[in-house]
Amino acid sequence: MAKILVVGSINMDLVVRVPRPPAPGETILGGDFQTFPGGKGANQAVAAARLGGEVTLVGRVGHDDFGYELVQGLADNRVNTNHVVKDPGSKSGIAMITVADNGENSIVVAPGANTLLSKDTILKHRKLIQKADLLLVQLECPLLTVTLAIELAHAYKVPVVLNPAPAQPLPESLLAKVTVLTPNESELALLSGENDLEQGIKTLRSRGVKSVVVTLGAQGARLVSETADLLLPSFKVAPVDTTAAGDAFNGALAVMLAEGKPLPEAVRYGTAAGALATTKIGAQPSLPTRYAVEQLLVDAQLNP
């Protein structure tokens, strides 16, 4: 079983259904309110675990009701939570999410305890990085912490998948240590300084990124690496909530790469997982099983 180490955020998602996104200064009436376990780190950890990975998560929650619920949810999904700290002096991170009738979402994150995930924590867990088949990271935790995790993985020759979300400028020295970078289109534009998709990919590759996979939502994913240059189409599904679709993609990609699958095959698998995640409401509740992803891949072959 592939060993995947996730260093990342753990949040509680507070979700309101809305007919459409509100305009600036506008108040609209929403529908149902629900809470779901979330956070990019936790979502990607659960996604990878449901898809067959042996997953360990390094993160922090508050010493509060949300924190206990979040950790229990991770454990219920077979994620190793022995390295998730319940911090007595802070609140668990939360994300306020509106989901429109067409499935599109907007998100505001209050990171809470995630901001306390420190470089010291990474140093304390350096052996976990060394023993992992792959390191999966995002940018909802302090950049210095993420940077150190990537640097250690690079030193130990452990592949790194970086999902650069939420987007922020990254130094070339860090990008050069990333095995696969997985931005969406807006993240690609911010990282590269280019609004054109192809030019953005070219710029990041020139800065040392070995492989760039741009997630394109309903259009699939664009992959450019040293050995591949492909547009992999998405799958036909009926979306109801796009929350965590990217996390499903990254978790699936990580599992496939850790199992030794070629990058194009891993991206195709990730695209299937991301599509399925849009068919259910909520972040972690929407993350698909391995059986569901493989069934979708078979159905797509039979009904192209």
Protein backbone atom coordinates (compact mmCIF):
# COMPACT_ATOMS: atom_id res chain seq x y z
CA MET A 1 0.00 0.00 0.00
CA ALA A 2 1.41 3.39 -1.03
CA LYS A 3 2.50 5.56 1.91
CA ILE A 4 1.34 9.15 1.48
CA LEU A 5 2.21 11.91 3.93
CA VAL A 6 -0.03 14.97 3.87
CA VAL A 7 1.06 18.17 5.59
CA GLY A 8 -1.87 20.55 5.57
CA SER A 9 -4.94 22.27 6.87
CA ILE A 10 -7.93 20.92 8.74
CA ASN A 11 -11.13 23.02 8.78
CA MET A 12 -14.81 22.78 9.50
CA ASP A 13 -16.84 23.92 6.49
CA LEU A 14 -19.93 26.05 7.20
CA VAL A 15 -22.00 25.74 4.03
CA VAL A 16 -25.04 27.73 2.86
CA ARG A 17 -26.93 26.98 -0.34
CA VAL A 18 -27.71 30.13 -2.35
CA PRO A 19 -29.59 30.70 -5.63
CA ARG A 20 -26.61 32.70 -6.93
CA PRO A 21 -23.50 34.38 -5.52
CA PRO A 22 -24.35 37.71 -3.82
CA ALA A 23 -23.05 40.92 -5.38
CA PRO A 24 -20.82 43.21 -3.24
CA GLY A 25 -22.95 44.83 -0.52
CA GLU A 26 -25.95 42.66 -1.33
CA THR A 27 -27.90 40.47 1.12
CA ILE A 28 -29.69 37.47 -0.28
CA LEU A 29 -31.72 34.71 1.32
CA GLY A 30 -29.99 31.34 1.36
CA GLY A 31 -31.32 27.85 1.78
CA ASP A 32 -30.08 24.98 3.92
CA PHE A 33 -27.14 25.44 6.29
CA GLN A 34 -24.86 22.46 6.95
CA THR A 35 -21.46 21.75 8.46
CA PHE A 36 -18.97 19.37 6.85
CA PRO A 37 -15.39 18.40 7.73
CA GLY A 38 -13.00 20.09 5.32
CA GLY A 39 -9.69 21.89 4.85
CA LYS A 40 -7.51 21.17 1.84
CA GLY A 41 -5.04 19.03 3.78
CA ALA A 42 -7.73 16.96 5.44
CA ASN A 43 -9.78 16.65 2.26
CA GLN A 44 -6.82 15.44 0.25
CA ALA A 45 -5.84 13.02 3.02
CA VAL A 46 -9.34 11.52 3.10
CA ALA A 47 -9.46 11.39 -0.71
CA ALA A 48 -6.19 9.48 -0.83
CA ALA A 49 -7.27 7.11 1.95
CA ARG A 50 -10.58 6.28 0.26
CA LEU A 51 -8.68 5.54 -2.92
CA GLY A 52 -6.40 3.01 -1.27
CA GLY A 53 -3.47 4.99 0.12
CA GLU A 54 -1.89 4.50 3.53
CA VAL A 55 -2.23 8.11 4.62
CA THR A 56 -0.75 10.06 7.52
CA LEU A 57 -1.75 13.68 8.15
CA VAL A 58 0.36 16.24 9.99
CA GLY A 59 -1.78 19.19 11.10
CA ARG A 60 -3.40 21.12 13.93
CA VAL A 61 -6.92 21.73 15.20
CA GLY A 62 -8.26 23.67 18.16
CA HIS A 63 -9.14 22.14 21.51
CA ASP A 64 -12.84 22.60 20.76
CA ASP A 65 -15.88 20.68 19.54
CA PHE A 66 -14.98 21.20 15.91
CA GLY A 67 -11.48 19.90 16.57
CA TYR A 68 -12.68 16.67 18.15
CA GLU A 69 -15.22 16.13 15.37
CA LEU A 70 -12.64 16.79 12.67
CA VAL A 71 -10.09 14.36 14.08
CA GLN A 72 -12.71 11.67 14.58
CA GLY A 73 -13.87 12.09 10.99
CA LEU A 74 -10.33 11.63 9.72
CA ALA A 75 -9.86 8.51 11.82
CA ASP A 76 -13.17 7.12 10.56
CA ASN A 77 -11.76 7.42 7.04
CA ARG A 78 -8.60 5.46 7.92
CA VAL A 79 -6.32 8.51 8.03
CA ASN A 80 -3.55 8.22 10.63
CA THR A 81 -4.20 11.15 13.01
CA ASN A 82 -1.42 10.42 15.51
CA HIS A 83 0.36 13.56 14.33
CA VAL A 84 -2.63 15.91 14.44
CA VAL A 85 -2.25 18.19 17.47
CA LYS A 86 -5.24 19.57 19.42
CA ASP A 87 -4.00 23.02 20.40
CA PRO A 88 -5.51 24.23 23.71
CA GLY A 89 -4.90 27.90 22.95
CA SER A 90 -6.61 28.27 19.58
CA LYS A 91 -9.79 27.62 17.64
CA SER A 92 -10.10 25.12 14.83
CA GLY A 93 -10.00 26.55 11.33
CA ILE A 94 -13.29 27.19 9.57
CA ALA A 95 -14.35 27.88 6.00
CA MET A 96 -17.49 29.85 5.18
CA ILE A 97 -18.82 28.51 1.87
CA THR A 98 -21.72 29.53 -0.35
CA VAL A 99 -22.83 27.03 -2.98
CA ALA A 100 -24.95 28.34 -5.86
CA ASP A 101 -27.66 26.40 -7.67
CA ASN A 102 -25.27 25.70 -10.55
CA GLY A 103 -22.81 24.03 -8.16
CA GLU A 104 -20.22 26.83 -8.15
CA ASN A 105 -18.86 27.89 -4.77
CA SER A 106 -17.12 30.80 -3.07
CA ILE A 107 -15.06 30.31 0.07
CA VAL A 108 -13.63 32.43 2.90
CA VAL A 109 -11.22 30.68 5.28
CA ALA A 110 -10.40 31.61 8.89
CA PRO A 111 -7.34 29.37 9.41
CA GLY A 112 -7.29 29.28 13.23
CA ALA A 113 -5.01 26.52 14.54
CA ASN A 114 -3.64 25.86 11.04
CA THR A 115 -1.45 28.95 11.39
CA LEU A 116 0.38 27.23 14.26
CA LEU A 117 1.67 24.38 12.12
CA SER A 118 5.33 25.34 12.49
CA LYS A 119 8.74 24.49 11.06
CA ASP A 120 9.52 22.82 14.41
CA THR A 121 6.61 20.45 13.80
CA ILE A 122 8.05 19.49 10.42
CA LEU A 123 11.51 18.90 11.88
CA LYS A 124 9.95 16.73 14.55
CA HIS A 125 8.32 14.61 11.84
CA ARG A 126 11.17 14.51 9.34
CA LYS A 127 11.35 10.70 9.57
CA LEU A 128 7.75 10.51 8.37
CA ILE A 129 8.78 12.44 5.28
CA GLN A 130 11.81 10.22 4.76
CA LYS A 131 9.72 7.04 4.91
CA ALA A 132 6.89 8.30 2.69
CA ASP A 133 6.39 7.26 -0.92
CA LEU A 134 5.04 10.75 -1.67
CA LEU A 135 4.53 14.10 0.08
CA LEU A 136 1.29 15.98 -0.67
CA VAL A 137 1.07 19.65 0.39
CA GLN A 138 -1.06 22.77 -0.15
CA LEU A 139 -0.83 26.44 0.90
CA GLU A 140 -3.45 26.83 3.65
CA CYS A 141 -0.68 26.48 6.27
CA PRO A 142 2.29 28.85 6.76
CA LEU A 143 4.51 29.00 3.68
CA LEU A 144 7.70 28.56 5.73
CA THR A 145 6.32 25.29 7.08
CA VAL A 146 5.32 24.01 3.66
CA THR A 147 8.70 25.08 2.26
CA LEU A 148 10.63 23.11 4.86
CA ALA A 149 8.51 20.00 4.24
CA ILE A 150 9.22 20.24 0.50
CA GLU A 151 12.93 20.84 1.07
CA LEU A 152 13.21 17.78 3.30
CA ALA A 153 11.30 15.62 0.83
CA HIS A 154 13.59 16.81 -1.94
CA ALA A 155 16.65 15.97 0.15
CA TYR A 156 15.26 12.49 0.85
CA LYS A 157 14.33 12.01 -2.85
CA VAL A 158 10.64 11.72 -1.99
CA PRO A 159 8.31 12.95 -4.79
CA VAL A 160 6.31 16.09 -3.97
CA VAL A 161 2.86 17.06 -5.23
CA LEU A 162 2.11 20.71 -4.44
CA ASN A 163 -1.42 22.00 -4.85
CA PRO A 164 -0.72 25.78 -4.76
CA ALA A 165 -4.00 26.82 -3.19
CA PRO A 166 -4.84 29.40 -2.07
CA ALA A 167 -2.42 30.90 -4.59
CA GLN A 168 0.52 33.05 -3.57
CA PRO A 169 3.86 33.88 -5.20
CA LEU A 170 6.44 31.12 -4.78
CA PRO A 171 10.22 31.39 -5.20
CA GLU A 172 11.94 29.53 -8.03
CA SER A 173 14.11 27.73 -5.49
CA LEU A 174 10.98 26.10 -4.08
CA LEU A 175 9.29 25.40 -7.41
CA ALA A 176 12.39 23.55 -8.60
CA LYS A 177 11.95 21.03 -5.75
CA VAL A 178 8.34 20.20 -6.67
CA THR A 179 7.72 17.05 -8.70
CA VAL A 180 4.17 17.87 -9.82
CA LEU A 181 2.50 21.28 -9.45
CA THR A 182 -1.32 21.26 -9.68
CA PRO A 183 -2.74 24.79 -10.01
CA ASN A 184 -6.13 25.72 -11.38
CA GLU A 185 -6.30 28.45 -14.01
CA SER A 186 -6.40 31.41 -11.60
CA GLU A 187 -3.59 29.95 -9.49
CA LEU A 188 -1.53 29.39 -12.63
CA ALA A 189 -2.00 33.04 -13.62
CA LEU A 190 -0.89 34.32 -10.21
CA LEU A 191 2.12 32.01 -9.99
CA SER A 192 3.33 32.66 -13.52
CA GLY A 193 2.23 36.25 -14.06
CA GLU A 194 0.66 35.11 -17.33
CA ASN A 195 -3.04 35.12 -18.24
CA ASP A 196 -2.55 32.77 -21.18
CA LEU A 197 -2.74 29.11 -20.19
CA GLU A 198 0.04 27.82 -22.42
CA GLN A 199 2.38 30.71 -21.67
CA GLY A 200 1.74 30.27 -17.94
CA ILE A 201 2.70 26.61 -18.10
CA LYS A 202 5.79 27.43 -20.14
CA THR A 203 6.86 30.06 -17.60
CA LEU A 204 6.52 27.71 -14.64
CA ARG A 205 8.41 24.97 -16.46
CA SER A 206 11.20 27.47 -17.16
CA ARG A 207 11.38 28.13 -13.42
CA GLY A 208 12.21 24.52 -12.71
CA VAL A 209 8.86 22.79 -12.17
CA LYS A 210 9.24 19.27 -13.53
CA SER A 211 5.57 18.68 -14.33
CA VAL A 212 2.62 21.08 -14.41
CA VAL A 213 -0.96 19.81 -14.28
CA VAL A 214 -3.56 22.56 -14.60
CA THR A 215 -7.05 21.58 -13.49
CA LEU A 216 -9.68 23.02 -15.84
CA GLY A 217 -12.95 22.03 -14.17
CA ALA A 218 -15.43 20.68 -16.70
CA GLN A 219 -12.74 20.85 -19.40
CA GLY A 220 -10.50 18.31 -17.65
CA ALA A 221 -6.78 18.85 -17.05
CA ARG A 222 -3.78 20.09 -19.02
CA LEU A 223 -0.55 18.17 -18.44
CA VAL A 224 2.90 19.29 -19.53
CA SER A 225 6.03 17.45 -18.40
CA GLU A 226 9.36 16.36 -19.84
CA THR A 227 7.71 13.37 -21.51
CA ALA A 228 4.05 14.36 -21.96
CA ASP A 229 2.00 17.20 -23.43
CA LEU A 230 -1.68 16.35 -23.14
CA LEU A 231 -5.18 17.70 -22.60
CA LEU A 232 -7.11 15.06 -20.67
CA PRO A 233 -10.89 15.62 -20.95
CA SER A 234 -13.22 15.50 -17.99
CA PHE A 235 -16.13 13.11 -17.51
CA LYS A 236 -19.82 13.72 -18.08
CA VAL A 237 -21.51 14.11 -14.71
CA ALA A 238 -24.33 16.23 -13.23
CA PRO A 239 -22.57 18.61 -10.80
CA VAL A 240 -24.33 19.82 -7.64
CA ASP A 241 -21.36 21.17 -5.61
CA THR A 242 -17.80 21.73 -6.83
CA THR A 243 -16.39 21.98 -3.29
CA ALA A 244 -13.38 19.61 -2.88
CA ALA A 245 -13.31 18.55 -6.54
CA GLY A 246 -9.73 19.77 -6.69
CA ASP A 247 -8.92 17.95 -3.46
CA ALA A 248 -10.33 14.72 -4.88
CA PHE A 249 -8.14 15.23 -7.94
CA ASN A 250 -5.00 15.79 -5.88
CA GLY A 251 -5.64 12.87 -3.55
CA ALA A 252 -6.21 10.54 -6.48
CA LEU A 253 -3.17 11.83 -8.35
CA ALA A 254 -1.03 11.27 -5.26
CA VAL A 255 -2.20 7.69 -4.81
CA MET A 256 -1.60 6.75 -8.42
CA LEU A 257 1.88 8.33 -8.50
CA ALA A 258 2.82 6.71 -5.19
CA GLU A 259 1.75 3.37 -6.67
CA GLY A 260 4.11 3.93 -9.60
CA LYS A 261 1.56 4.75 -12.29
CA PRO A 262 2.67 6.96 -15.23
CA LEU A 263 1.75 10.63 -14.84
CA PRO A 264 -0.82 10.72 -17.69
CA GLU A 265 -2.64 7.73 -16.19
CA ALA A 266 -2.53 9.34 -12.75
CA VAL A 267 -3.96 12.59 -14.10
CA ARG A 268 -6.75 10.72 -15.89
CA TYR A 269 -7.60 8.94 -12.63
CA GLY A 270 -7.54 12.26 -10.77
CA THR A 271 -9.87 13.83 -13.31
CA ALA A 272 -12.37 11.01 -12.76
CA ALA A 273 -12.18 11.44 -8.98
CA GLY A 274 -12.67 15.20 -9.28
CA ALA A 275 -15.70 14.76 -11.52
CA LEU A 276 -17.36 12.36 -9.09
CA ALA A 277 -16.76 14.75 -6.19
CA THR A 278 -18.97 17.36 -7.86
CA THR A 279 -21.98 15.03 -7.77
CA LYS A 280 -22.49 15.22 -3.99
CA ILE A 281 -22.85 18.07 -1.50
CA GLY A 282 -20.06 18.80 0.98
CA ALA A 283 -16.30 18.41 0.96
CA GLN A 284 -15.32 15.10 2.53
CA PRO A 285 -18.76 13.46 2.05
CA SER A 286 -18.32 13.93 -1.70
CA LEU A 287 -14.92 12.23 -2.00
CA PRO A 288 -15.27 9.01 -4.02
CA THR A 289 -14.11 5.49 -3.31
CA ARG A 290 -11.65 3.61 -5.51
CA TYR A 291 -14.45 1.39 -6.76
CA ALA A 292 -16.52 4.41 -7.85
CA VAL A 293 -13.60 5.99 -9.71
CA GLU A 294 -12.68 2.78 -11.50
CA GLN A 295 -16.32 2.20 -12.43
CA LEU A 296 -16.50 5.66 -13.98
CA LEU A 297 -13.33 4.95 -15.97
CA VAL A 298 -14.81 1.70 -17.26
CA ASP A 299 -18.12 3.37 -18.13
CA ALA A 300 -16.26 6.10 -20.03
CA GLN A 301 -14.47 3.48 -22.11
CA LEU A 302 -17.70 1.67 -22.89
CA ASN A 303 -19.65 4.88 -23.61
CA PRO A 304 -17.18 7.41 -25.00
